[in-house]
Amino acid sequence: QLPLVESGGGLVQPGGSLRLSCAASWFNFEYYAIGWFRQAPGKEREFVSCLSPADEKTYYSSSVKDRFTISRDVAQNTVHLQMNTLEPGDTAVYSCAAGDLTKHGGFYYCSRAERAEWDYWGQGTQVAVSS
């Protein structure tokens, strides 16, 4: 059973919106920092957003700030990434990752992003923005 499962990807026109979800199958998000990353064809994986549940701080890359919003649904043990005003440059496979807060604090994961030692990864969901 995969530790993290993403959903919500798809094809959308420029200017449209999508909401991605990241669900944990067997652990509680309360004790994990959650990050979203994306990887476009031929490019390195890049940080998109991060949520530190201990202090509810959120982090965004400059390319998505003011367009994307990360949030969590405690009851559903799910983290969402609301993506608005999508652009062709947002086309990528989006993956979520979980970092154990008993090992490092939320700031470690969210500030180090791609360089942090994340404990779990999902398989990713494809987002395509095209007219």
N, C-alpha and C. Protein backbone atom coordinates (compact mmCIF):
# COMPACT_ATOMS: atom_id res chain seq x y z
N GLN A 1 0.85 -1.18 0.00
CA GLN A 1 0.00 0.00 0.00
C GLN A 1 0.89 1.24 0.00
N LEU A 2 0.65 2.13 -0.97
CA LEU A 2 1.46 3.32 -1.06
C LEU A 2 1.18 4.23 0.13
N PRO A 3 2.23 4.84 0.69
CA PRO A 3 2.02 5.71 1.84
C PRO A 3 1.26 6.99 1.50
N LEU A 4 1.49 7.51 0.30
CA LEU A 4 0.82 8.74 -0.12
C LEU A 4 0.19 8.53 -1.50
N VAL A 5 -1.00 9.03 -1.67
CA VAL A 5 -1.68 8.91 -2.95
C VAL A 5 -2.20 10.27 -3.36
N GLU A 6 -1.76 10.71 -4.55
CA GLU A 6 -2.23 11.99 -5.09
C GLU A 6 -3.41 11.76 -6.03
N SER A 7 -4.24 12.76 -6.15
CA SER A 7 -5.36 12.73 -7.08
C SER A 7 -5.71 14.15 -7.48
N GLY A 8 -6.53 14.27 -8.52
CA GLY A 8 -7.03 15.58 -8.92
C GLY A 8 -6.38 16.17 -10.15
N GLY A 9 -5.38 15.51 -10.69
CA GLY A 9 -4.73 16.04 -11.88
C GLY A 9 -5.63 15.93 -13.10
N GLY A 10 -5.20 16.52 -14.19
CA GLY A 10 -5.98 16.46 -15.42
C GLY A 10 -5.53 17.51 -16.41
N LEU A 11 -6.32 17.66 -17.45
CA LEU A 11 -6.06 18.65 -18.50
C LEU A 11 -6.96 19.85 -18.28
N VAL A 12 -6.37 21.03 -18.30
CA VAL A 12 -7.14 22.25 -18.09
C VAL A 12 -6.61 23.33 -19.02
N GLN A 13 -7.47 24.25 -19.39
CA GLN A 13 -7.06 25.36 -20.24
C GLN A 13 -6.33 26.42 -19.43
N PRO A 14 -5.49 27.20 -20.08
CA PRO A 14 -4.84 28.31 -19.38
C PRO A 14 -5.87 29.21 -18.70
N GLY A 15 -5.56 29.59 -17.47
CA GLY A 15 -6.49 30.40 -16.70
C GLY A 15 -7.43 29.58 -15.84
N GLY A 16 -7.45 28.28 -16.06
CA GLY A 16 -8.34 27.40 -15.30
C GLY A 16 -7.79 27.03 -13.94
N SER A 17 -8.52 26.16 -13.25
CA SER A 17 -8.16 25.75 -11.89
C SER A 17 -8.24 24.24 -11.75
N LEU A 18 -7.45 23.74 -10.82
CA LEU A 18 -7.51 22.34 -10.42
C LEU A 18 -7.23 22.29 -8.93
N ARG A 19 -7.76 21.27 -8.28
CA ARG A 19 -7.42 21.03 -6.87
C ARG A 19 -6.84 19.63 -6.74
N LEU A 20 -5.58 19.59 -6.34
CA LEU A 20 -4.92 18.32 -6.10
C LEU A 20 -5.10 17.91 -4.64
N SER A 21 -5.13 16.61 -4.43
CA SER A 21 -5.24 16.08 -3.08
C SER A 21 -4.13 15.08 -2.82
N CYS A 22 -3.67 15.04 -1.59
CA CYS A 22 -2.65 14.10 -1.16
C CYS A 22 -3.19 13.42 0.09
N ALA A 23 -3.43 12.12 0.00
CA ALA A 23 -3.99 11.38 1.11
C ALA A 23 -2.95 10.41 1.67
N ALA A 24 -2.90 10.34 2.98
CA ALA A 24 -2.02 9.38 3.65
C ALA A 24 -2.80 8.12 3.95
N SER A 25 -2.19 7.00 3.63
CA SER A 25 -2.94 5.75 3.76
C SER A 25 -2.87 5.15 5.15
N TRP A 26 -1.75 5.38 5.86
CA TRP A 26 -1.66 4.67 7.14
C TRP A 26 -0.92 5.47 8.21
N PHE A 27 -0.75 6.80 7.99
CA PHE A 27 -0.19 7.58 9.08
C PHE A 27 -0.91 8.92 9.16
N ASN A 28 -0.75 9.59 10.28
CA ASN A 28 -1.48 10.82 10.56
C ASN A 28 -0.67 12.04 10.12
N PHE A 29 -1.25 12.85 9.24
CA PHE A 29 -0.58 14.05 8.75
C PHE A 29 -0.25 15.04 9.86
N GLU A 30 -0.90 14.88 11.00
CA GLU A 30 -0.67 15.81 12.10
C GLU A 30 0.81 15.84 12.49
N TYR A 31 1.52 14.75 12.25
CA TYR A 31 2.90 14.62 12.69
C TYR A 31 3.90 14.71 11.55
N TYR A 32 3.44 15.24 10.40
CA TYR A 32 4.30 15.31 9.23
C TYR A 32 4.17 16.65 8.53
N ALA A 33 5.28 17.19 8.10
CA ALA A 33 5.25 18.30 7.17
C ALA A 33 4.92 17.74 5.79
N ILE A 34 4.12 18.45 5.02
CA ILE A 34 3.72 17.98 3.70
C ILE A 34 4.19 18.97 2.65
N GLY A 35 4.86 18.45 1.66
CA GLY A 35 5.35 19.28 0.57
C GLY A 35 4.77 18.83 -0.76
N TRP A 36 4.60 19.79 -1.64
CA TRP A 36 4.22 19.50 -3.03
C TRP A 36 5.39 19.86 -3.92
N PHE A 37 5.66 18.98 -4.87
CA PHE A 37 6.73 19.19 -5.82
C PHE A 37 6.19 18.89 -7.22
N ARG A 38 6.90 19.36 -8.22
CA ARG A 38 6.49 19.03 -9.59
C ARG A 38 7.71 18.81 -10.46
N GLN A 39 7.52 18.01 -11.48
CA GLN A 39 8.60 17.76 -12.41
C GLN A 39 8.04 17.75 -13.83
N ALA A 40 8.54 18.68 -14.61
CA ALA A 40 8.15 18.78 -16.01
C ALA A 40 9.11 17.92 -16.84
N PRO A 41 8.68 17.48 -18.02
CA PRO A 41 9.54 16.65 -18.86
C PRO A 41 10.89 17.32 -19.14
N GLY A 42 11.95 16.58 -18.90
CA GLY A 42 13.27 17.10 -19.18
C GLY A 42 13.81 18.08 -18.16
N LYS A 43 13.08 18.27 -17.07
CA LYS A 43 13.50 19.24 -16.05
C LYS A 43 13.68 18.56 -14.70
N GLU A 44 14.40 19.24 -13.82
CA GLU A 44 14.59 18.75 -12.47
C GLU A 44 13.29 18.93 -11.68
N ARG A 45 13.14 18.10 -10.67
CA ARG A 45 11.99 18.28 -9.77
C ARG A 45 12.16 19.60 -9.01
N GLU A 46 11.05 20.32 -8.86
CA GLU A 46 11.12 21.60 -8.18
C GLU A 46 10.06 21.71 -7.10
N PHE A 47 10.38 22.48 -6.10
CA PHE A 47 9.48 22.73 -4.99
C PHE A 47 8.32 23.60 -5.42
N VAL A 48 7.14 23.27 -4.92
CA VAL A 48 5.95 24.07 -5.20
C VAL A 48 5.42 24.73 -3.93
N SER A 49 5.16 23.90 -2.92
CA SER A 49 4.54 24.44 -1.71
C SER A 49 4.77 23.47 -0.55
N CYS A 50 4.61 23.99 0.66
CA CYS A 50 4.84 23.16 1.84
C CYS A 50 3.95 23.64 2.98
N LEU A 51 3.53 22.70 3.83
CA LEU A 51 2.71 23.03 4.99
C LEU A 51 3.34 22.41 6.22
N SER A 52 3.54 23.23 7.22
CA SER A 52 4.06 22.75 8.50
C SER A 52 2.90 22.73 9.48
N PRO A 53 2.35 21.57 9.83
CA PRO A 53 1.14 21.53 10.64
C PRO A 53 1.31 22.03 12.06
N ALA A 54 2.54 21.94 12.58
CA ALA A 54 2.75 22.34 13.97
C ALA A 54 2.40 23.81 14.18
N ASP A 55 2.73 24.65 13.22
CA ASP A 55 2.44 26.08 13.36
C ASP A 55 1.57 26.60 12.23
N GLU A 56 1.09 25.68 11.39
CA GLU A 56 0.22 26.03 10.26
C GLU A 56 0.87 27.03 9.31
N LYS A 57 2.18 27.02 9.24
CA LYS A 57 2.84 27.92 8.30
C LYS A 57 2.85 27.28 6.92
N THR A 58 2.72 28.13 5.92
CA THR A 58 2.72 27.66 4.55
C THR A 58 3.84 28.35 3.78
N TYR A 59 4.34 27.65 2.79
CA TYR A 59 5.46 28.14 1.99
C TYR A 59 5.12 27.90 0.52
N TYR A 60 5.56 28.82 -0.33
CA TYR A 60 5.30 28.71 -1.76
C TYR A 60 6.54 29.12 -2.55
N SER A 61 6.70 28.51 -3.71
CA SER A 61 7.74 28.99 -4.61
C SER A 61 7.26 30.31 -5.23
N SER A 62 8.18 31.10 -5.69
CA SER A 62 7.82 32.40 -6.25
C SER A 62 6.96 32.25 -7.51
N SER A 63 7.11 31.13 -8.20
CA SER A 63 6.38 30.95 -9.45
C SER A 63 4.89 30.64 -9.25
N VAL A 64 4.52 30.20 -8.04
CA VAL A 64 3.12 29.84 -7.80
C VAL A 64 2.47 30.69 -6.71
N LYS A 65 3.28 31.48 -6.02
CA LYS A 65 2.73 32.31 -4.94
C LYS A 65 1.63 33.20 -5.48
N ASP A 66 0.57 33.32 -4.73
CA ASP A 66 -0.62 34.12 -5.07
C ASP A 66 -1.53 33.43 -6.07
N ARG A 67 -1.13 32.25 -6.58
CA ARG A 67 -2.00 31.49 -7.46
C ARG A 67 -2.39 30.14 -6.84
N PHE A 68 -1.49 29.57 -6.06
CA PHE A 68 -1.73 28.26 -5.45
C PHE A 68 -1.93 28.43 -3.94
N THR A 69 -2.74 27.53 -3.36
CA THR A 69 -2.97 27.54 -1.92
C THR A 69 -2.91 26.12 -1.39
N ILE A 70 -2.09 25.91 -0.38
CA ILE A 70 -2.00 24.60 0.27
C ILE A 70 -2.82 24.64 1.54
N SER A 71 -3.53 23.55 1.81
CA SER A 71 -4.34 23.47 3.01
C SER A 71 -4.49 22.01 3.41
N ARG A 72 -4.99 21.79 4.60
CA ARG A 72 -5.19 20.40 5.02
C ARG A 72 -6.57 20.22 5.61
N ASP A 73 -7.09 19.02 5.39
CA ASP A 73 -8.37 18.61 5.93
C ASP A 73 -8.07 17.58 7.01
N VAL A 74 -8.16 18.00 8.25
CA VAL A 74 -7.78 17.13 9.36
C VAL A 74 -8.66 15.89 9.41
N ALA A 75 -9.96 16.08 9.22
CA ALA A 75 -10.89 14.95 9.32
C ALA A 75 -10.61 13.89 8.27
N GLN A 76 -10.21 14.35 7.07
CA GLN A 76 -9.96 13.42 5.96
C GLN A 76 -8.50 13.00 5.89
N ASN A 77 -7.65 13.59 6.76
CA ASN A 77 -6.22 13.29 6.74
C ASN A 77 -5.65 13.48 5.33
N THR A 78 -6.00 14.63 4.75
CA THR A 78 -5.65 14.94 3.37
C THR A 78 -5.12 16.36 3.28
N VAL A 79 -4.17 16.55 2.39
CA VAL A 79 -3.65 17.89 2.10
C VAL A 79 -4.03 18.24 0.67
N HIS A 80 -4.52 19.45 0.48
CA HIS A 80 -4.95 19.89 -0.85
C HIS A 80 -4.01 20.97 -1.38
N LEU A 81 -3.94 21.03 -2.69
CA LEU A 81 -3.23 22.12 -3.36
C LEU A 81 -4.21 22.72 -4.37
N GLN A 82 -4.77 23.86 -4.03
CA GLN A 82 -5.68 24.56 -4.93
C GLN A 82 -4.85 25.38 -5.89
N MET A 83 -5.01 25.12 -7.18
CA MET A 83 -4.21 25.78 -8.20
C MET A 83 -5.13 26.62 -9.08
N ASN A 84 -4.95 27.92 -9.05
CA ASN A 84 -5.76 28.84 -9.84
C ASN A 84 -4.90 29.53 -10.89
N THR A 85 -5.57 30.10 -11.86
CA THR A 85 -4.90 30.85 -12.92
C THR A 85 -3.74 30.04 -13.50
N LEU A 86 -4.02 28.82 -13.86
CA LEU A 86 -2.97 27.93 -14.34
C LEU A 86 -2.40 28.40 -15.67
N GLU A 87 -1.12 28.15 -15.82
CA GLU A 87 -0.38 28.56 -17.01
C GLU A 87 0.25 27.33 -17.65
N PRO A 88 0.56 27.39 -18.94
CA PRO A 88 1.23 26.23 -19.58
C PRO A 88 2.50 25.81 -18.85
N GLY A 89 3.18 26.75 -18.24
CA GLY A 89 4.40 26.43 -17.50
C GLY A 89 4.15 25.63 -16.25
N ASP A 90 2.90 25.47 -15.86
CA ASP A 90 2.57 24.66 -14.68
C ASP A 90 2.43 23.18 -15.04
N THR A 91 2.50 22.88 -16.32
CA THR A 91 2.39 21.48 -16.76
C THR A 91 3.53 20.65 -16.19
N ALA A 92 3.16 19.58 -15.48
CA ALA A 92 4.16 18.73 -14.82
C ALA A 92 3.45 17.59 -14.12
N VAL A 93 4.24 16.65 -13.63
CA VAL A 93 3.73 15.65 -12.70
C VAL A 93 3.92 16.20 -11.30
N TYR A 94 2.84 16.27 -10.56
CA TYR A 94 2.86 16.82 -9.21
C TYR A 94 2.87 15.68 -8.19
N SER A 95 3.80 15.77 -7.26
CA SER A 95 3.92 14.74 -6.22
C SER A 95 3.91 15.38 -4.84
N CYS A 96 3.38 14.65 -3.88
CA CYS A 96 3.45 15.13 -2.51
C CYS A 96 4.45 14.28 -1.74
N ALA A 97 4.98 14.88 -0.69
CA ALA A 97 5.96 14.20 0.15
C ALA A 97 5.65 14.51 1.61
N ALA A 98 6.00 13.59 2.50
CA ALA A 98 5.76 13.77 3.92
C ALA A 98 7.07 13.66 4.68
N GLY A 99 7.29 14.60 5.59
CA GLY A 99 8.50 14.60 6.41
C GLY A 99 8.14 14.45 7.87
N ASP A 100 8.76 13.50 8.52
CA ASP A 100 8.46 13.16 9.91
C ASP A 100 8.93 14.27 10.85
N LEU A 101 8.00 14.88 11.57
CA LEU A 101 8.33 15.99 12.46
C LEU A 101 9.05 15.55 13.73
N THR A 102 9.12 14.24 13.97
CA THR A 102 9.91 13.78 15.12
C THR A 102 11.40 13.76 14.77
N LYS A 103 11.70 13.83 13.48
CA LYS A 103 13.10 13.85 13.03
C LYS A 103 13.58 15.29 12.83
N HIS A 104 12.78 16.08 12.19
CA HIS A 104 13.13 17.47 11.91
C HIS A 104 11.89 18.34 12.05
N GLY A 105 12.10 19.62 12.27
CA GLY A 105 10.98 20.53 12.39
C GLY A 105 10.42 20.90 11.02
N GLY A 106 9.25 21.50 11.04
CA GLY A 106 8.60 21.89 9.80
C GLY A 106 9.45 22.84 8.98
N PHE A 107 10.15 23.75 9.64
CA PHE A 107 10.98 24.71 8.91
C PHE A 107 12.08 24.01 8.14
N TYR A 108 12.63 22.94 8.69
CA TYR A 108 13.68 22.19 7.99
C TYR A 108 13.14 21.69 6.66
N TYR A 109 11.98 21.04 6.67
CA TYR A 109 11.45 20.46 5.44
C TYR A 109 11.03 21.55 4.46
N CYS A 110 10.33 22.54 4.95
CA CYS A 110 9.76 23.54 4.07
C CYS A 110 10.79 24.53 3.54
N SER A 111 11.86 24.75 4.26
CA SER A 111 12.88 25.67 3.78
C SER A 111 13.92 24.95 2.91
N ARG A 112 14.23 23.71 3.26
CA ARG A 112 15.19 22.96 2.44
C ARG A 112 14.55 22.40 1.19
N ALA A 113 13.25 22.14 1.25
CA ALA A 113 12.46 21.69 0.08
C ALA A 113 13.09 20.47 -0.58
N GLU A 114 13.60 20.65 -1.82
CA GLU A 114 14.15 19.51 -2.56
C GLU A 114 15.35 18.90 -1.85
N ARG A 115 16.02 19.68 -1.01
CA ARG A 115 17.24 19.19 -0.35
C ARG A 115 16.95 18.52 0.99
N ALA A 116 15.71 18.53 1.40
CA ALA A 116 15.34 17.90 2.68
C ALA A 116 15.23 16.38 2.50
N GLU A 117 15.35 15.68 3.60
CA GLU A 117 15.19 14.22 3.59
C GLU A 117 13.74 13.88 3.91
N TRP A 118 12.94 13.78 2.88
CA TRP A 118 11.53 13.45 3.05
C TRP A 118 11.39 11.95 3.29
N ASP A 119 10.42 11.58 4.11
CA ASP A 119 10.27 10.18 4.47
C ASP A 119 9.40 9.39 3.49
N TYR A 120 8.38 10.02 2.95
CA TYR A 120 7.47 9.32 2.05
C TYR A 120 7.16 10.19 0.84
N TRP A 121 6.95 9.51 -0.29
CA TRP A 121 6.57 10.17 -1.53
C TRP A 121 5.38 9.45 -2.15
N GLY A 122 4.58 10.22 -2.87
CA GLY A 122 3.53 9.62 -3.66
C GLY A 122 4.03 9.37 -5.08
N GLN A 123 3.19 8.77 -5.89
CA GLN A 123 3.59 8.45 -7.27
C GLN A 123 3.38 9.61 -8.22
N GLY A 124 2.57 10.56 -7.82
CA GLY A 124 2.37 11.73 -8.64
C GLY A 124 1.08 11.71 -9.44
N THR A 125 0.65 12.90 -9.81
CA THR A 125 -0.53 13.06 -10.65
C THR A 125 -0.21 14.07 -11.74
N GLN A 126 -0.62 13.78 -12.96
CA GLN A 126 -0.26 14.61 -14.11
C GLN A 126 -1.19 15.83 -14.21
N VAL A 127 -0.58 16.98 -14.39
CA VAL A 127 -1.32 18.21 -14.66
C VAL A 127 -0.84 18.74 -16.00
N ALA A 128 -1.78 18.97 -16.89
CA ALA A 128 -1.46 19.51 -18.21
C ALA A 128 -2.29 20.76 -18.44
N VAL A 129 -1.62 21.85 -18.76
CA VAL A 129 -2.30 23.12 -19.02
C VAL A 129 -2.08 23.47 -20.48
N SER A 130 -3.15 23.41 -21.24
CA SER A 130 -3.03 23.63 -22.68
C SER A 130 -4.37 24.03 -23.26
N SER A 131 -4.30 24.85 -24.31
CA SER A 131 -5.53 25.23 -25.00
C SER A 131 -5.78 24.30 -26.18
